[in-house]
């Protein structure tokens, strides 16, 4: 399979925007090429110059941690930007379709609707694994993308690795494995399979384990052919300088991040056991993420009670296969204790 055969014709023929920073490479002391404010910024730090459009220094730092070359790395304004660009690059509006596997992350469907791309839903099995037969039946010649969230949101489980590999080996389109929660999982990342599958895109984020949700920084790892297309169609300066600088500094503190991951996993296990012991809890689903899907006796009343106490969880009771469930993020020990106290007294 040639990735270029999947790219929309207008994207193949697109002449990308050329920035001032693209046209000049090298050292200089006077920049009069980009119509910036030459005096600086009304802030302690100056942000008057446009940032590196390809974020090469930041990608180099990420490469040292992830083991993925710069040329196989795309950075987006959150993973949502990479999701949207995949639609723009590979899906012809009104003609092509994509497959999503509910219950799952909602932005796949939103991006499909924004880009006027048909969305085909193949629900997960009751054990929250892939319905491989139904997926195979749903694929046709116009199916361009399949989105697999693993660990899955909102169910929290990892998807069977062999099933994902089967799809990668047999589907003539792009397989997007969204690993936003991979840092909390027992399963290994699919990054190590990039050299094996040219149609694989792995999404990761700085919003979860790295604690940088406010910066909006997502990562996509894939073959150079896919990354080149994403870089071709992205906005010129999609990652601002402040985000690049702060993320670069954060990468120096990986030991702190790893400590938080260990604490979160320990709290996840403690919270799961404590929830299981409550009369109002019918089922606690196993989790490989930093949240726990919990089936309760009366989701709406319990949700409202928690809100009254200043505790916000996510009501997923109307989502397919999650009927009667709340999704509870694993907080600090103090936050989790407060949650449990309210639930014990419900």
C-alpha atoms as a PDB file:
ATOM      1  CA  UNK A   1       0.000   0.000   0.000  1.00  0.00           C
ATOM      2  CA  UNK A   2       1.278   3.432  -0.991  1.00  0.00           C
ATOM      3  CA  UNK A   3       0.221   6.153   1.421  1.00  0.00           C
ATOM      4  CA  UNK A   4       0.238   8.660  -1.434  1.00  0.00           C
ATOM      5  CA  UNK A   5      -2.658   6.750  -3.035  1.00  0.00           C
ATOM      6  CA  UNK A   6      -4.782   7.626   0.023  1.00  0.00           C
ATOM      7  CA  UNK A   7      -4.073  11.370  -0.047  1.00  0.00           C
ATOM      8  CA  UNK A   8      -6.772  13.607  -1.552  1.00  0.00           C
ATOM      9  CA  UNK A   9      -5.873  14.871  -5.017  1.00  0.00           C
ATOM     10  CA  UNK A  10      -6.197  18.545  -4.050  1.00  0.00           C
ATOM     11  CA  UNK A  11      -3.821  17.952  -1.134  1.00  0.00           C
ATOM     12  CA  UNK A  12      -1.309  16.217  -3.407  1.00  0.00           C
ATOM     13  CA  UNK A  13      -1.381  19.281  -5.679  1.00  0.00           C
ATOM     14  CA  UNK A  14      -1.420  21.803  -2.834  1.00  0.00           C
ATOM     15  CA  UNK A  15       1.337  24.374  -2.733  1.00  0.00           C
ATOM     16  CA  UNK A  16       1.816  24.941   1.015  1.00  0.00           C
ATOM     17  CA  UNK A  17       2.160  28.371   2.563  1.00  0.00           C
ATOM     18  CA  UNK A  18       5.779  29.462   2.759  1.00  0.00           C
ATOM     19  CA  UNK A  19       6.645  31.358   5.943  1.00  0.00           C
ATOM     20  CA  UNK A  20       9.411  33.869   6.451  1.00  0.00           C
ATOM     21  CA  UNK A  21      11.050  31.343   8.771  1.00  0.00           C
ATOM     22  CA  UNK A  22      10.899  28.689   6.035  1.00  0.00           C
ATOM     23  CA  UNK A  23      12.555  30.889   3.422  1.00  0.00           C
ATOM     24  CA  UNK A  24      15.567  31.910   5.508  1.00  0.00           C
ATOM     25  CA  UNK A  25      17.681  29.330   7.327  1.00  0.00           C
ATOM     26  CA  UNK A  26      20.742  30.475   9.230  1.00  0.00           C
ATOM     27  CA  UNK A  27      22.000  33.083  11.669  1.00  0.00           C
ATOM     28  CA  UNK A  28      21.201  36.791  11.465  1.00  0.00           C
ATOM     29  CA  UNK A  29      21.068  39.793  13.788  1.00  0.00           C
ATOM     30  CA  UNK A  30      18.440  41.921  12.033  1.00  0.00           C
ATOM     31  CA  UNK A  31      15.121  40.377  10.995  1.00  0.00           C
ATOM     32  CA  UNK A  32      13.053  42.613   8.737  1.00  0.00           C
ATOM     33  CA  UNK A  33      11.302  39.873   6.768  1.00  0.00           C
ATOM     34  CA  UNK A  34       8.138  38.954   8.697  1.00  0.00           C
ATOM     35  CA  UNK A  35       6.536  42.300   9.617  1.00  0.00           C
ATOM     36  CA  UNK A  36       6.899  41.593  13.335  1.00  0.00           C
ATOM     37  CA  UNK A  37       7.058  44.226  16.066  1.00  0.00           C
ATOM     38  CA  UNK A  38      10.806  44.853  16.313  1.00  0.00           C
ATOM     39  CA  UNK A  39      10.561  46.513  19.754  1.00  0.00           C
ATOM     40  CA  UNK A  40       9.623  43.408  21.711  1.00  0.00           C
ATOM     41  CA  UNK A  41       6.608  42.408  23.815  1.00  0.00           C
ATOM     42  CA  UNK A  42       4.850  44.107  26.749  1.00  0.00           C
ATOM     43  CA  UNK A  43       5.815  41.138  28.921  1.00  0.00           C
ATOM     44  CA  UNK A  44       8.845  40.038  30.981  1.00  0.00           C
ATOM     45  CA  UNK A  45       9.796  37.703  28.094  1.00  0.00           C
ATOM     46  CA  UNK A  46       9.718  38.646  24.413  1.00  0.00           C
ATOM     47  CA  UNK A  47       7.343  36.830  22.077  1.00  0.00           C
ATOM     48  CA  UNK A  48       7.517  39.261  19.201  1.00  0.00           C
ATOM     49  CA  UNK A  49       9.184  36.810  16.800  1.00  0.00           C
ATOM     50  CA  UNK A  50       7.333  34.022  15.040  1.00  0.00           C
ATOM     51  CA  UNK A  51       8.253  30.573  16.393  1.00  0.00           C
ATOM     52  CA  UNK A  52       9.957  27.726  14.553  1.00  0.00           C
ATOM     53  CA  UNK A  53       7.129  26.391  12.334  1.00  0.00           C
ATOM     54  CA  UNK A  54       8.437  22.817  12.663  1.00  0.00           C
ATOM     55  CA  UNK A  55       9.362  22.986  16.379  1.00  0.00           C
ATOM     56  CA  UNK A  56      12.672  21.210  15.718  1.00  0.00           C
ATOM     57  CA  UNK A  57      14.291  21.812  19.123  1.00  0.00           C
ATOM     58  CA  UNK A  58      11.221  20.544  20.947  1.00  0.00           C
ATOM     59  CA  UNK A  59      10.901  17.544  18.635  1.00  0.00           C
ATOM     60  CA  UNK A  60      14.549  16.726  19.243  1.00  0.00           C
ATOM     61  CA  UNK A  61      13.932  16.706  23.013  1.00  0.00           C
ATOM     62  CA  UNK A  62      10.849  14.510  22.545  1.00  0.00           C
ATOM     63  CA  UNK A  63      12.838  12.180  20.292  1.00  0.00           C
ATOM     64  CA  UNK A  64      15.365  11.569  23.062  1.00  0.00           C
ATOM     65  CA  UNK A  65      12.555  10.378  25.373  1.00  0.00           C
ATOM     66  CA  UNK A  66      10.273   8.581  22.916  1.00  0.00           C
ATOM     67  CA  UNK A  67      12.955   7.124  20.655  1.00  0.00           C
ATOM     68  CA  UNK A  68      11.140   8.360  17.540  1.00  0.00           C
ATOM     69  CA  UNK A  69      13.081  10.355  14.903  1.00  0.00           C
ATOM     70  CA  UNK A  70      12.112  13.992  14.303  1.00  0.00           C
ATOM     71  CA  UNK A  71      10.969  13.194  10.761  1.00  0.00           C
ATOM     72  CA  UNK A  72       8.396  10.748  12.174  1.00  0.00           C
ATOM     73  CA  UNK A  73       6.987  13.274  14.648  1.00  0.00           C
ATOM     74  CA  UNK A  74       4.187  15.833  14.241  1.00  0.00           C
ATOM     75  CA  UNK A  75       3.194  18.315  16.946  1.00  0.00           C
ATOM     76  CA  UNK A  76      -0.307  19.722  17.033  1.00  0.00           C
ATOM     77  CA  UNK A  77      -2.403  22.212  18.970  1.00  0.00           C
ATOM     78  CA  UNK A  78      -3.627  19.303  21.078  1.00  0.00           C
ATOM     79  CA  UNK A  79      -4.131  15.844  19.573  1.00  0.00           C
ATOM     80  CA  UNK A  80      -7.397  17.248  18.219  1.00  0.00           C
ATOM     81  CA  UNK A  81      -5.457  19.176  15.564  1.00  0.00           C
ATOM     82  CA  UNK A  82      -3.788  15.981  14.327  1.00  0.00           C
ATOM     83  CA  UNK A  83      -7.193  14.251  14.230  1.00  0.00           C
ATOM     84  CA  UNK A  84      -8.675  17.085  12.176  1.00  0.00           C
ATOM     85  CA  UNK A  85      -5.710  17.194   9.789  1.00  0.00           C
ATOM     86  CA  UNK A  86      -5.992  13.451   9.136  1.00  0.00           C
ATOM     87  CA  UNK A  87      -9.544  14.048   7.913  1.00  0.00           C
ATOM     88  CA  UNK A  88      -8.435  16.951   5.741  1.00  0.00           C
ATOM     89  CA  UNK A  89      -5.517  15.011   4.263  1.00  0.00           C
ATOM     90  CA  UNK A  90      -7.129  11.672   3.508  1.00  0.00           C
ATOM     91  CA  UNK A  91     -10.947  11.997   3.419  1.00  0.00           C
ATOM     92  CA  UNK A  92     -12.871  13.436   0.479  1.00  0.00           C
ATOM     93  CA  UNK A  93     -15.966  15.205   1.857  1.00  0.00           C
ATOM     94  CA  UNK A  94     -19.231  13.575   0.868  1.00  0.00           C
ATOM     95  CA  UNK A  95     -17.464  10.500  -0.521  1.00  0.00           C
ATOM     96  CA  UNK A  96     -15.137   8.795   1.953  1.00  0.00           C
ATOM     97  CA  UNK A  97     -15.946   7.301   5.345  1.00  0.00           C
ATOM     98  CA  UNK A  98     -14.197   6.516   8.639  1.00  0.00           C
ATOM     99  CA  UNK A  99     -14.858   3.919  11.315  1.00  0.00           C
ATOM    100  CA  UNK A 100     -15.128   4.693  15.029  1.00  0.00           C
ATOM    101  CA  UNK A 101     -15.693   2.200  17.830  1.00  0.00           C
ATOM    102  CA  UNK A 102     -18.107   3.549  20.456  1.00  0.00           C
ATOM    103  CA  UNK A 103     -18.062   4.149  23.296  1.00  0.00           C
ATOM    104  CA  UNK A 104     -14.961   6.195  22.532  1.00  0.00           C
ATOM    105  CA  UNK A 105     -13.491   9.696  22.404  1.00  0.00           C
ATOM    106  CA  UNK A 106     -16.076  12.059  20.932  1.00  0.00           C
ATOM    107  CA  UNK A 107     -13.806  14.269  18.816  1.00  0.00           C
ATOM    108  CA  UNK A 108     -13.411  11.628  16.090  1.00  0.00           C
ATOM    109  CA  UNK A 109     -17.104  11.992  15.282  1.00  0.00           C
ATOM    110  CA  UNK A 110     -17.082  15.775  15.682  1.00  0.00           C
ATOM    111  CA  UNK A 111     -14.140  16.130  13.273  1.00  0.00           C
ATOM    112  CA  UNK A 112     -15.865  13.821  10.781  1.00  0.00           C
ATOM    113  CA  UNK A 113     -19.012  15.951  10.875  1.00  0.00           C
ATOM    114  CA  UNK A 114     -17.033  19.194  10.519  1.00  0.00           C
ATOM    115  CA  UNK A 115     -15.284  17.781   7.451  1.00  0.00           C
ATOM    116  CA  UNK A 116     -18.491  16.278   5.982  1.00  0.00           C
ATOM    117  CA  UNK A 117     -17.138  12.736   6.152  1.00  0.00           C
ATOM    118  CA  UNK A 118     -19.437   9.764   6.757  1.00  0.00           C
ATOM    119  CA  UNK A 119     -18.951   8.172  10.169  1.00  0.00           C
ATOM    120  CA  UNK A 120     -19.514   4.422  10.512  1.00  0.00           C
ATOM    121  CA  UNK A 121     -19.958   3.153  14.055  1.00  0.00           C
ATOM    122  CA  UNK A 122     -19.052  -0.373  15.113  1.00  0.00           C
ATOM    123  CA  UNK A 123     -19.811  -0.687  18.813  1.00  0.00           C
ATOM    124  CA  UNK A 124     -17.351  -2.456  21.063  1.00  0.00           C
ATOM    125  CA  UNK A 125     -18.319  -5.874  22.388  1.00  0.00           C
ATOM    126  CA  UNK A 126     -19.765  -6.047  25.936  1.00  0.00           C
ATOM    127  CA  UNK A 127     -16.213  -6.683  27.219  1.00  0.00           C
ATOM    128  CA  UNK A 128     -15.158  -3.407  25.503  1.00  0.00           C
ATOM    129  CA  UNK A 129     -13.001  -5.208  22.922  1.00  0.00           C
ATOM    130  CA  UNK A 130     -13.186  -4.912  19.123  1.00  0.00           C
ATOM    131  CA  UNK A 131     -15.934  -6.612  17.122  1.00  0.00           C
ATOM    132  CA  UNK A 132     -13.528  -7.782  14.429  1.00  0.00           C
ATOM    133  CA  UNK A 133     -16.192  -9.414  12.238  1.00  0.00           C
ATOM    134  CA  UNK A 134     -18.375  -6.323  12.187  1.00  0.00           C
ATOM    135  CA  UNK A 135     -15.385  -4.059  11.495  1.00  0.00           C
ATOM    136  CA  UNK A 136     -14.425  -6.224   8.501  1.00  0.00           C
ATOM    137  CA  UNK A 137     -18.011  -6.092   7.204  1.00  0.00           C
ATOM    138  CA  UNK A 138     -18.169  -2.288   7.596  1.00  0.00           C
ATOM    139  CA  UNK A 139     -14.994  -1.474   5.642  1.00  0.00           C
ATOM    140  CA  UNK A 140     -15.401  -0.628   1.953  1.00  0.00           C
ATOM    141  CA  UNK A 141     -13.232   0.952  -0.758  1.00  0.00           C
ATOM    142  CA  UNK A 142     -13.986   4.443   0.569  1.00  0.00           C
ATOM    143  CA  UNK A 143     -13.013   3.729   4.188  1.00  0.00           C
ATOM    144  CA  UNK A 144      -9.934   5.850   4.834  1.00  0.00           C
ATOM    145  CA  UNK A 145      -9.453   5.958   8.622  1.00  0.00           C
ATOM    146  CA  UNK A 146     -10.111   3.664  11.585  1.00  0.00           C
ATOM    147  CA  UNK A 147      -9.800   5.236  15.051  1.00  0.00           C
ATOM    148  CA  UNK A 148      -8.835   2.963  17.959  1.00  0.00           C
ATOM    149  CA  UNK A 149      -8.503   4.554  21.392  1.00  0.00           C
ATOM    150  CA  UNK A 150      -6.302   2.401  23.652  1.00  0.00           C
ATOM    151  CA  UNK A 151      -6.547   2.701  26.605  1.00  0.00           C
ATOM    152  CA  UNK A 152     -10.081   3.577  25.637  1.00  0.00           C
ATOM    153  CA  UNK A 153     -12.000   6.609  26.837  1.00  0.00           C
ATOM    154  CA  UNK A 154     -14.467   6.300  28.623  1.00  0.00           C
ATOM    155  CA  UNK A 155     -14.129   2.565  29.397  1.00  0.00           C
ATOM    156  CA  UNK A 156     -10.493   2.684  30.576  1.00  0.00           C
ATOM    157  CA  UNK A 157      -9.377  -0.676  29.171  1.00  0.00           C
ATOM    158  CA  UNK A 158      -6.586  -1.389  26.695  1.00  0.00           C
ATOM    159  CA  UNK A 159      -7.651  -2.882  23.373  1.00  0.00           C
ATOM    160  CA  UNK A 160      -6.341  -6.356  22.535  1.00  0.00           C
ATOM    161  CA  UNK A 161      -2.981  -5.807  20.854  1.00  0.00           C
ATOM    162  CA  UNK A 162      -3.319  -8.720  18.431  1.00  0.00           C
ATOM    163  CA  UNK A 163      -6.632  -7.340  17.149  1.00  0.00           C
ATOM    164  CA  UNK A 164      -5.059  -3.951  16.423  1.00  0.00           C
ATOM    165  CA  UNK A 165      -2.164  -5.635  14.612  1.00  0.00           C
ATOM    166  CA  UNK A 166      -4.630  -7.682  12.528  1.00  0.00           C
ATOM    167  CA  UNK A 167      -6.354  -4.486  11.399  1.00  0.00           C
ATOM    168  CA  UNK A 168      -3.013  -2.807  10.658  1.00  0.00           C
ATOM    169  CA  UNK A 169      -1.906  -5.736   8.515  1.00  0.00           C
ATOM    170  CA  UNK A 170      -5.155  -6.078   6.551  1.00  0.00           C
ATOM    171  CA  UNK A 171      -6.715  -2.611   6.222  1.00  0.00           C
ATOM    172  CA  UNK A 172      -5.735  -0.544   3.184  1.00  0.00           C
ATOM    173  CA  UNK A 173      -6.134   2.752   4.966  1.00  0.00           C
ATOM    174  CA  UNK A 174      -4.833   4.670   7.977  1.00  0.00           C
ATOM    175  CA  UNK A 175      -5.159   3.119  11.444  1.00  0.00           C
ATOM    176  CA  UNK A 176      -5.063   5.761  14.196  1.00  0.00           C
ATOM    177  CA  UNK A 177      -4.161   4.394  17.635  1.00  0.00           C
ATOM    178  CA  UNK A 178      -4.942   7.086  20.196  1.00  0.00           C
ATOM    179  CA  UNK A 179      -2.689   6.562  23.229  1.00  0.00           C
ATOM    180  CA  UNK A 180      -3.612   9.601  25.311  1.00  0.00           C
ATOM    181  CA  UNK A 181      -3.580   7.410  28.451  1.00  0.00           C
ATOM    182  CA  UNK A 182      -0.705   5.063  27.572  1.00  0.00           C
ATOM    183  CA  UNK A 183       1.489   6.279  30.458  1.00  0.00           C
ATOM    184  CA  UNK A 184      -0.907   4.649  32.919  1.00  0.00           C
ATOM    185  CA  UNK A 185      -1.228   1.350  31.045  1.00  0.00           C
ATOM    186  CA  UNK A 186       0.310  -2.084  31.415  1.00  0.00           C
ATOM    187  CA  UNK A 187       0.298  -2.429  27.624  1.00  0.00           C
ATOM    188  CA  UNK A 188       3.292  -1.201  25.622  1.00  0.00           C
ATOM    189  CA  UNK A 189       2.973   1.701  23.208  1.00  0.00           C
ATOM    190  CA  UNK A 190       2.457   1.067  19.500  1.00  0.00           C
ATOM    191  CA  UNK A 191       5.289   3.528  18.767  1.00  0.00           C
ATOM    192  CA  UNK A 192       7.628   0.550  18.507  1.00  0.00           C
ATOM    193  CA  UNK A 193       5.536  -0.773  15.585  1.00  0.00           C
ATOM    194  CA  UNK A 194       5.984   2.332  13.407  1.00  0.00           C
ATOM    195  CA  UNK A 195       8.730   0.719  11.316  1.00  0.00           C
ATOM    196  CA  UNK A 196       6.482  -2.318  10.742  1.00  0.00           C
ATOM    197  CA  UNK A 197       3.322  -0.543   9.566  1.00  0.00           C
ATOM    198  CA  UNK A 198       3.426   2.436   7.198  1.00  0.00           C
ATOM    199  CA  UNK A 199      -0.300   3.038   7.735  1.00  0.00           C
ATOM    200  CA  UNK A 200      -0.038   3.429  11.522  1.00  0.00           C
ATOM    201  CA  UNK A 201      -0.530   6.782  13.266  1.00  0.00           C
ATOM    202  CA  UNK A 202       0.037   6.873  17.030  1.00  0.00           C
ATOM    203  CA  UNK A 203      -1.428   9.822  18.931  1.00  0.00           C
ATOM    204  CA  UNK A 204      -0.085  10.857  22.336  1.00  0.00           C
ATOM    205  CA  UNK A 205      -0.493  13.993  24.422  1.00  0.00           C
ATOM    206  CA  UNK A 206       1.047  16.279  27.017  1.00  0.00           C
ATOM    207  CA  UNK A 207      -2.413  16.803  28.581  1.00  0.00           C
ATOM    208  CA  UNK A 208      -2.578  13.747  30.852  1.00  0.00           C
ATOM    209  CA  UNK A 209       0.526  12.288  32.551  1.00  0.00           C
ATOM    210  CA  UNK A 210       2.642  15.340  31.673  1.00  0.00           C
ATOM    211  CA  UNK A 211       0.171  17.696  33.361  1.00  0.00           C
ATOM    212  CA  UNK A 212       0.201  20.301  30.577  1.00  0.00           C
ATOM    213  CA  UNK A 213      -3.445  20.279  29.465  1.00  0.00           C
ATOM    214  CA  UNK A 214      -3.612  24.093  29.407  1.00  0.00           C
ATOM    215  CA  UNK A 215      -0.766  24.319  26.874  1.00  0.00           C
ATOM    216  CA  UNK A 216      -2.648  22.289  24.210  1.00  0.00           C
ATOM    217  CA  UNK A 217       0.175  20.143  22.822  1.00  0.00           C
ATOM    218  CA  UNK A 218      -0.376  16.800  21.141  1.00  0.00           C
ATOM    219  CA  UNK A 219       1.920  14.400  19.319  1.00  0.00           C
ATOM    220  CA  UNK A 220       1.393  12.227  16.251  1.00  0.00           C
ATOM    221  CA  UNK A 221       3.971   9.622  15.279  1.00  0.00           C
ATOM    222  CA  UNK A 222       3.885   7.948  11.878  1.00  0.00           C
ATOM    223  CA  UNK A 223       5.760   7.183   8.665  1.00  0.00           C
ATOM    224  CA  UNK A 224       7.523  10.106   7.010  1.00  0.00           C
ATOM    225  CA  UNK A 225       4.948  10.048   4.196  1.00  0.00           C
ATOM    226  CA  UNK A 226       2.092  10.698   6.622  1.00  0.00           C
ATOM    227  CA  UNK A 227       4.042  13.263   8.675  1.00  0.00           C
ATOM    228  CA  UNK A 228       5.065  15.145   5.525  1.00  0.00           C
ATOM    229  CA  UNK A 229       1.399  15.474   4.517  1.00  0.00           C
ATOM    230  CA  UNK A 230       0.394  16.755   7.967  1.00  0.00           C
ATOM    231  CA  UNK A 231       3.205  19.321   7.928  1.00  0.00           C
ATOM    232  CA  UNK A 232       2.142  20.391   4.444  1.00  0.00           C
ATOM    233  CA  UNK A 233      -1.419  21.257   5.441  1.00  0.00           C
ATOM    234  CA  UNK A 234      -1.074  22.474   9.043  1.00  0.00           C
ATOM    235  CA  UNK A 235      -1.317  26.197   9.877  1.00  0.00           C
ATOM    236  CA  UNK A 236       2.126  27.826   9.521  1.00  0.00           C
ATOM    237  CA  UNK A 237       2.830  28.447  13.215  1.00  0.00           C
ATOM    238  CA  UNK A 238       0.515  25.954  14.909  1.00  0.00           C
ATOM    239  CA  UNK A 239       2.563  25.646  18.134  1.00  0.00           C
ATOM    240  CA  UNK A 240       3.211  28.994  19.796  1.00  0.00           C
ATOM    241  CA  UNK A 241       6.593  29.890  21.289  1.00  0.00           C
ATOM    242  CA  UNK A 242       5.384  29.922  24.896  1.00  0.00           C
ATOM    243  CA  UNK A 243       4.090  26.360  24.538  1.00  0.00           C
ATOM    244  CA  UNK A 244       7.322  25.244  22.884  1.00  0.00           C
ATOM    245  CA  UNK A 245       9.424  26.811  25.657  1.00  0.00           C
ATOM    246  CA  UNK A 246       7.344  25.427  28.533  1.00  0.00           C
ATOM    247  CA  UNK A 247       7.111  21.930  27.059  1.00  0.00           C
ATOM    248  CA  UNK A 248      10.874  21.919  26.482  1.00  0.00           C
ATOM    249  CA  UNK A 249      11.419  22.735  30.168  1.00  0.00           C
ATOM    250  CA  UNK A 250       8.884  20.117  31.260  1.00  0.00           C
ATOM    251  CA  UNK A 251      10.758  17.400  29.384  1.00  0.00           C
ATOM    252  CA  UNK A 252      13.694  17.965  31.750  1.00  0.00           C
ATOM    253  CA  UNK A 253      11.507  16.838  34.665  1.00  0.00           C
ATOM    254  CA  UNK A 254      10.656  13.312  33.525  1.00  0.00           C
ATOM    255  CA  UNK A 255      11.473  11.890  36.973  1.00  0.00           C
ATOM    256  CA  UNK A 256       8.695  14.012  38.509  1.00  0.00           C
ATOM    257  CA  UNK A 257       6.257  12.836  35.823  1.00  0.00           C
ATOM    258  CA  UNK A 258       7.153   9.189  36.432  1.00  0.00           C
ATOM    259  CA  UNK A 259       6.598   9.659  40.166  1.00  0.00           C
ATOM    260  CA  UNK A 260       3.139  11.124  39.508  1.00  0.00           C
ATOM    261  CA  UNK A 261       2.296   8.192  37.221  1.00  0.00           C
ATOM    262  CA  UNK A 262       3.220   5.702  39.965  1.00  0.00           C
ATOM    263  CA  UNK A 263       1.148   7.632  42.502  1.00  0.00           C
ATOM    264  CA  UNK A 264      -1.823   7.831  40.126  1.00  0.00           C
ATOM    265  CA  UNK A 265      -1.726   4.093  39.426  1.00  0.00           C
ATOM    266  CA  UNK A 266      -1.516   3.310  43.158  1.00  0.00           C
ATOM    267  CA  UNK A 267      -4.437   5.674  43.858  1.00  0.00           C
ATOM    268  CA  UNK A 268      -6.390   4.153  40.958  1.00  0.00           C
ATOM    269  CA  UNK A 269      -6.069   0.702  42.551  1.00  0.00           C
ATOM    270  CA  UNK A 270      -6.959   1.986  46.024  1.00  0.00           C
ATOM    271  CA  UNK A 271      -9.935   3.964  44.725  1.00  0.00           C
ATOM    272  CA  UNK A 272     -11.188   0.989  42.689  1.00  0.00           C
ATOM    273  CA  UNK A 273     -11.186  -1.246  45.749  1.00  0.00           C
ATOM    274  CA  UNK A 274     -12.887   1.388  47.894  1.00  0.00           C
ATOM    275  CA  UNK A 275     -15.591   2.001  45.275  1.00  0.00           C
ATOM    276  CA  UNK A 276     -16.194  -1.741  44.962  1.00  0.00           C
ATOM    277  CA  UNK A 277     -17.014  -1.891  48.669  1.00  0.00           C
ATOM    278  CA  UNK A 278     -19.830   0.690  48.422  1.00  0.00           C
ATOM    279  CA  UNK A 279     -23.485  -0.410  48.344  1.00  0.00           C
ATOM    280  CA  UNK A 280     -24.326   2.170  45.668  1.00  0.00           C
ATOM    281  CA  UNK A 281     -21.695   0.752  43.284  1.00  0.00           C
ATOM    282  CA  UNK A 282     -22.796  -2.107  41.028  1.00  0.00           C
ATOM    283  CA  UNK A 283     -19.557  -2.555  39.091  1.00  0.00           C
ATOM    284  CA  UNK A 284     -16.089  -1.045  38.878  1.00  0.00           C
ATOM    285  CA  UNK A 285     -14.492  -1.654  35.489  1.00  0.00           C
ATOM    286  CA  UNK A 286     -10.754  -2.455  35.312  1.00  0.00           C
ATOM    287  CA  UNK A 287      -8.754   0.572  34.152  1.00  0.00           C
ATOM    288  CA  UNK A 288      -5.471   1.127  32.337  1.00  0.00           C
ATOM    289  CA  UNK A 289      -6.009   4.905  32.409  1.00  0.00           C
ATOM    290  CA  UNK A 290      -6.152   7.682  35.024  1.00  0.00           C
ATOM    291  CA  UNK A 291      -9.904   7.292  35.454  1.00  0.00           C
ATOM    292  CA  UNK A 292     -12.358   4.608  36.528  1.00  0.00           C
ATOM    293  CA  UNK A 293     -15.666   3.775  34.852  1.00  0.00           C
ATOM    294  CA  UNK A 294     -18.121   2.912  37.624  1.00  0.00           C
ATOM    295  CA  UNK A 295     -21.670   1.600  37.327  1.00  0.00           C
ATOM    296  CA  UNK A 296     -23.850   2.925  40.139  1.00  0.00           C
ATOM    297  CA  UNK A 297     -27.430   2.505  41.356  1.00  0.00           C
ATOM    298  CA  UNK A 298     -28.625   5.988  40.367  1.00  0.00           C
ATOM    299  CA  UNK A 299     -26.084   7.863  38.228  1.00  0.00           C
ATOM    300  CA  UNK A 300     -27.985  11.158  37.979  1.00  0.00           C
ATOM    301  CA  UNK A 301     -28.773  11.482  41.698  1.00  0.00           C
ATOM    302  CA  UNK A 302     -25.248  10.544  42.700  1.00  0.00           C
ATOM    303  CA  UNK A 303     -23.807  12.969  40.128  1.00  0.00           C
ATOM    304  CA  UNK A 304     -26.006  15.808  41.464  1.00  0.00           C
ATOM    305  CA  UNK A 305     -25.057  14.991  45.061  1.00  0.00           C
ATOM    306  CA  UNK A 306     -21.369  15.196  44.188  1.00  0.00           C
ATOM    307  CA  UNK A 307     -21.902  18.512  42.394  1.00  0.00           C
ATOM    308  CA  UNK A 308     -23.616  19.896  45.511  1.00  0.00           C
ATOM    309  CA  UNK A 309     -20.453  19.007  47.442  1.00  0.00           C
ATOM    310  CA  UNK A 310     -18.206  20.713  44.858  1.00  0.00           C
ATOM    311  CA  UNK A 311     -17.013  17.436  43.324  1.00  0.00           C
ATOM    312  CA  UNK A 312     -17.315  17.085  39.561  1.00  0.00           C
ATOM    313  CA  UNK A 313     -17.217  13.702  37.827  1.00  0.00           C
ATOM    314  CA  UNK A 314     -18.441  12.817  34.322  1.00  0.00           C
ATOM    315  CA  UNK A 315     -21.925  11.397  33.809  1.00  0.00           C
ATOM    316  CA  UNK A 316     -21.604   8.755  31.062  1.00  0.00           C
ATOM    317  CA  UNK A 317     -24.924   7.037  31.863  1.00  0.00           C
ATOM    318  CA  UNK A 318     -26.462   7.811  28.469  1.00  0.00           C
ATOM    319  CA  UNK A 319     -23.444   6.573  26.450  1.00  0.00           C
ATOM    320  CA  UNK A 320     -23.637   3.260  24.568  1.00  0.00           C
ATOM    321  CA  UNK A 321     -22.510   0.324  26.776  1.00  0.00           C
ATOM    322  CA  UNK A 322     -21.953   2.722  29.703  1.00  0.00           C
ATOM    323  CA  UNK A 323     -25.552   2.871  30.921  1.00  0.00           C
ATOM    324  CA  UNK A 324     -25.745   3.850  34.591  1.00  0.00           C
ATOM    325  CA  UNK A 325     -22.056   4.748  34.719  1.00  0.00           C
ATOM    326  CA  UNK A 326     -20.000   7.634  36.045  1.00  0.00           C
ATOM    327  CA  UNK A 327     -16.450   8.231  34.854  1.00  0.00           C
ATOM    328  CA  UNK A 328     -14.282   9.235  37.784  1.00  0.00           C
ATOM    329  CA  UNK A 329     -10.837  10.765  37.283  1.00  0.00           C
ATOM    330  CA  UNK A 330      -8.234   9.556  39.775  1.00  0.00           C
ATOM    331  CA  UNK A 331      -7.395  12.593  41.896  1.00  0.00           C
ATOM    332  CA  UNK A 332      -4.900  13.151  44.679  1.00  0.00           C
ATOM    333  CA  UNK A 333      -5.287  11.047  47.832  1.00  0.00           C
ATOM    334  CA  UNK A 334      -7.058  13.965  49.540  1.00  0.00           C
ATOM    335  CA  UNK A 335      -9.449  14.460  46.610  1.00  0.00           C
ATOM    336  CA  UNK A 336     -10.208  10.744  46.404  1.00  0.00           C
ATOM    337  CA  UNK A 337     -10.870  10.573  50.156  1.00  0.00           C
ATOM    338  CA  UNK A 338     -13.315  13.466  49.914  1.00  0.00           C
ATOM    339  CA  UNK A 339     -15.110  11.723  47.034  1.00  0.00           C
ATOM    340  CA  UNK A 340     -15.348   8.452  48.978  1.00  0.00           C
ATOM    341  CA  UNK A 341     -16.698  10.208  52.078  1.00  0.00           C
ATOM    342  CA  UNK A 342     -19.550  11.762  50.087  1.00  0.00           C
ATOM    343  CA  UNK A 343     -20.335   8.463  48.357  1.00  0.00           C
ATOM    344  CA  UNK A 344     -20.277   6.522  51.655  1.00  0.00           C
ATOM    345  CA  UNK A 345     -22.823   8.951  53.081  1.00  0.00           C
ATOM    346  CA  UNK A 346     -25.100   8.957  50.026  1.00  0.00           C
END
